[in-house]
C-alpha atoms as a PDB file:
ATOM      1  CA  MET A   1      -1.619  -0.963 -18.750  1.00  0.00           C
ATOM      2  CA  GLN A   2      -0.091   1.960 -16.790  1.00  0.00           C
ATOM      3  CA  VAL A   3       2.982   1.382 -15.107  1.00  0.00           C
ATOM      4  CA  ILE A   4       4.154   3.971 -12.163  1.00  0.00           C
ATOM      5  CA  GLU A   5       7.834   3.537 -11.153  1.00  0.00           C
ATOM      6  CA  LYS A   6       8.324   4.148  -7.455  1.00  0.00           C
ATOM      7  CA  PRO A   7      11.517   4.341  -5.427  1.00  0.00           C
ATOM      8  CA  TRP A   8      10.571   1.180  -3.467  1.00  0.00           C
ATOM      9  CA  GLY A   9       9.300  -0.971  -6.640  1.00  0.00           C
ATOM     10  CA  LYS A  10       6.458  -0.268  -9.179  1.00  0.00           C
ATOM     11  CA  GLU A  11       2.776  -0.021  -9.209  1.00  0.00           C
ATOM     12  CA  GLU A  12       0.855  -1.552 -12.321  1.00  0.00           C
ATOM     13  CA  VAL A  13      -2.655   0.057 -12.677  1.00  0.00           C
ATOM     14  CA  ILE A  14      -4.864  -2.676 -14.071  1.00  0.00           C
ATOM     15  CA  GLU A  15      -8.110  -1.104 -14.021  1.00  0.00           C
ATOM     16  CA  ILE A  16      -9.536   2.319 -12.709  1.00  0.00           C
ATOM     17  CA  ASN A  17     -12.974   3.690 -13.216  1.00  0.00           C
ATOM     18  CA  ASP A  18     -15.497   5.517 -11.444  1.00  0.00           C
ATOM     19  CA  ARG A  19     -16.387   2.571  -9.266  1.00  0.00           C
ATOM     20  CA  TYR A  20     -13.189   0.826  -8.216  1.00  0.00           C
ATOM     21  CA  MET A  21      -9.357   0.650  -9.080  1.00  0.00           C
ATOM     22  CA  MET A  22      -7.137  -2.642  -9.176  1.00  0.00           C
ATOM     23  CA  LYS A  23      -3.370  -2.243  -8.945  1.00  0.00           C
ATOM     24  CA  LYS A  24      -0.454  -4.634  -9.077  1.00  0.00           C
ATOM     25  CA  LEU A  25       2.440  -3.828  -6.850  1.00  0.00           C
ATOM     26  CA  THR A  26       6.042  -5.140  -6.645  1.00  0.00           C
ATOM     27  CA  MET A  27       7.865  -4.036  -3.734  1.00  0.00           C
ATOM     28  CA  TRP A  28      11.535  -4.876  -3.420  1.00  0.00           C
ATOM     29  CA  ALA A  29      13.001  -6.533  -0.023  1.00  0.00           C
ATOM     30  CA  GLY A  30      14.225  -3.839   2.260  1.00  0.00           C
ATOM     31  CA  HIS A  31      12.028  -1.242   1.150  1.00  0.00           C
ATOM     32  CA  ARG A  32       8.724   0.439   2.177  1.00  0.00           C
ATOM     33  CA  CYS A  33       6.038   2.833   1.095  1.00  0.00           C
ATOM     34  CA  SER A  34       5.358   5.817   3.023  1.00  0.00           C
ATOM     35  CA  LEU A  35       3.500   5.685   6.456  1.00  0.00           C
ATOM     36  CA  GLN A  36       0.314   7.076   5.291  1.00  0.00           C
ATOM     37  CA  PHE A  37      -3.809   7.357   5.297  1.00  0.00           C
ATOM     38  CA  HIS A  38      -6.792   7.929   2.937  1.00  0.00           C
ATOM     39  CA  ASN A  39      -9.601  10.191   3.865  1.00  0.00           C
ATOM     40  CA  ILE A  40     -11.841   8.325   1.508  1.00  0.00           C
ATOM     41  CA  LYS A  41     -10.084   5.422  -0.248  1.00  0.00           C
ATOM     42  CA  ARG A  42     -10.739   2.174   1.154  1.00  0.00           C
ATOM     43  CA  GLU A  43      -8.364  -0.675   0.093  1.00  0.00           C
ATOM     44  CA  THR A  44      -7.954  -4.525   0.375  1.00  0.00           C
ATOM     45  CA  ILE A  45      -4.670  -5.818  -0.136  1.00  0.00           C
ATOM     46  CA  TYR A  46      -4.112  -9.691  -1.407  1.00  0.00           C
ATOM     47  CA  VAL A  47      -0.480 -11.008  -1.239  1.00  0.00           C
ATOM     48  CA  LEU A  48       0.626 -12.834  -4.186  1.00  0.00           C
ATOM     49  CA  SER A  49       4.145 -13.692  -3.321  1.00  0.00           C
ATOM     50  CA  GLY A  50       6.927 -12.874  -0.687  1.00  0.00           C
ATOM     51  CA  ASP A  51       6.683 -11.734   2.722  1.00  0.00           C
ATOM     52  CA  LEU A  52       5.125  -8.224   3.397  1.00  0.00           C
ATOM     53  CA  ARG A  53       4.862  -6.437   6.790  1.00  0.00           C
ATOM     54  CA  ILE A  54       1.941  -4.411   7.123  1.00  0.00           C
ATOM     55  CA  TYR A  55       1.626  -1.926   9.593  1.00  0.00           C
ATOM     56  CA  SER A  56      -1.813  -0.504  10.617  1.00  0.00           C
ATOM     57  CA  GLY A  57      -3.335   1.469  13.360  1.00  0.00           C
ATOM     58  CA  ALA A  58      -5.214   4.522  14.453  1.00  0.00           C
ATOM     59  CA  SER A  59      -2.109   6.718  14.565  1.00  0.00           C
ATOM     60  CA  LYS A  60       1.329   6.692  13.979  1.00  0.00           C
ATOM     61  CA  GLU A  61       2.169   5.999  17.413  1.00  0.00           C
ATOM     62  CA  ALA A  62      -0.227   3.454  17.648  1.00  0.00           C
ATOM     63  CA  LEU A  63       0.848   0.884  14.965  1.00  0.00           C
ATOM     64  CA  GLU A  64       0.768  -3.045  14.813  1.00  0.00           C
ATOM     65  CA  SER A  65       2.422  -5.088  12.340  1.00  0.00           C
ATOM     66  CA  ARG A  66       2.175  -8.515  11.044  1.00  0.00           C
ATOM     67  CA  ILE A  67       3.802 -10.673   8.320  1.00  0.00           C
ATOM     68  CA  TYR A  68       1.662 -11.422   5.521  1.00  0.00           C
ATOM     69  CA  ALA A  69       2.403 -14.153   3.211  1.00  0.00           C
ATOM     70  CA  ALA A  70       0.763 -15.245  -0.423  1.00  0.00           C
ATOM     71  CA  GLY A  71      -2.834 -15.507  -0.039  1.00  0.00           C
ATOM     72  CA  ASP A  72      -3.172 -13.599   2.997  1.00  0.00           C
ATOM     73  CA  THR A  73      -5.186 -10.104   2.813  1.00  0.00           C
ATOM     74  CA  ILE A  74      -6.295  -7.270   4.987  1.00  0.00           C
ATOM     75  CA  THR A  75      -8.752  -4.542   4.317  1.00  0.00           C
ATOM     76  CA  LEU A  76      -7.799  -1.027   5.380  1.00  0.00           C
ATOM     77  CA  ALA A  77     -10.521   1.545   5.741  1.00  0.00           C
ATOM     78  CA  PRO A  78     -10.315   5.354   5.391  1.00  0.00           C
ATOM     79  CA  GLY A  79      -8.538   7.091   8.254  1.00  0.00           C
ATOM     80  CA  VAL A  80      -6.432   3.779   9.087  1.00  0.00           C
ATOM     81  CA  VAL A  81      -2.600   4.842   9.094  1.00  0.00           C
ATOM     82  CA  HIS A  82      -0.577   2.283   7.335  1.00  0.00           C
ATOM     83  CA  ARG A  83       2.737   1.226   5.618  1.00  0.00           C
ATOM     84  CA  MET A  84       3.587  -2.036   3.502  1.00  0.00           C
ATOM     85  CA  GLU A  85       7.343  -3.174   3.915  1.00  0.00           C
ATOM     86  CA  ALA A  86       8.783  -6.107   1.773  1.00  0.00           C
ATOM     87  CA  VAL A  87      10.841  -8.248   4.040  1.00  0.00           C
ATOM     88  CA  THR A  88      11.317 -10.279   0.910  1.00  0.00           C
ATOM     89  CA  ASP A  89      10.700  -9.256  -2.653  1.00  0.00           C
ATOM     90  CA  SER A  90       6.918  -9.188  -2.675  1.00  0.00           C
ATOM     91  CA  VAL A  91       4.146  -8.871  -5.179  1.00  0.00           C
ATOM     92  CA  TYR A  92       0.672  -8.107  -4.106  1.00  0.00           C
ATOM     93  CA  LEU A  93      -2.935  -6.953  -5.485  1.00  0.00           C
ATOM     94  CA  GLU A  94      -4.665  -3.713  -4.024  1.00  0.00           C
ATOM     95  CA  ALA A  95      -8.256  -3.335  -5.009  1.00  0.00           C
ATOM     96  CA  SER A  96      -9.699  -0.102  -3.657  1.00  0.00           C
ATOM     97  CA  THR A  97     -12.041   2.814  -4.414  1.00  0.00           C
ATOM     98  CA  PRO A  98     -10.895   4.938  -6.935  1.00  0.00           C
ATOM     99  CA  GLU A  99      -9.362   7.962  -5.335  1.00  0.00           C
ATOM    100  CA  MET A 100      -5.991   7.611  -6.659  1.00  0.00           C
ATOM    101  CA  ASP A 101      -4.703  11.039  -5.302  1.00  0.00           C
ATOM    102  CA  ASP A 102      -6.072  10.391  -1.809  1.00  0.00           C
ATOM    103  CA  VAL A 103      -2.833   9.797   0.104  1.00  0.00           C
ATOM    104  CA  VAL A 104      -1.730  11.549   3.028  1.00  0.00           C
ATOM    105  CA  ARG A 105       1.974  10.787   3.778  1.00  0.00           C
ATOM    106  CA  LEU A 106       3.064  11.121   7.276  1.00  0.00           C
ATOM    107  CA  VAL A 107       6.640   9.700   7.090  1.00  0.00           C
ATOM    108  CA  ASP A 108       8.559   8.975   3.856  1.00  0.00           C
ATOM    109  CA  ASP A 109      11.738   7.618   3.595  1.00  0.00           C
ATOM    110  CA  TYR A 110      12.265   8.876   0.075  1.00  0.00           C
ATOM    111  CA  GLN A 111      11.901  12.412   1.156  1.00  0.00           C
ATOM    112  CA  ARG A 112       8.571  13.013  -1.211  1.00  0.00           C
ATOM    113  CA  THR A 113       6.595  15.827   0.103  1.00  0.00           C
ATOM    114  CA  PRO A 114       3.676  15.162   2.231  1.00  0.00           C
ATOM    115  CA  ASN A 115       0.445  15.629   0.369  1.00  0.00           C
END
């Protein structure tokens, strides 16, 4: 299993092939990933533990948010602007199409360059 350290936690790539990708993500309380969207990638988030606030919308100016807890799920279509933020330490699964590098960052707390 490939482990990718992130400034907000870590990603564990469970499976990646030409049809789908499965990752387990750990996000530490008070941290969040970049505000982003995907051109092609479609992803479904399934929360395993913790409280995870997920922002989503048609643009960065039109975001709604909801706190997701264990057992909650959301599917994000290509083009949907989104961000995950850990209210408490959170662990979640991401099942998606396999475009691992399809990330367009709009805003990033850790000064990572936009893609």
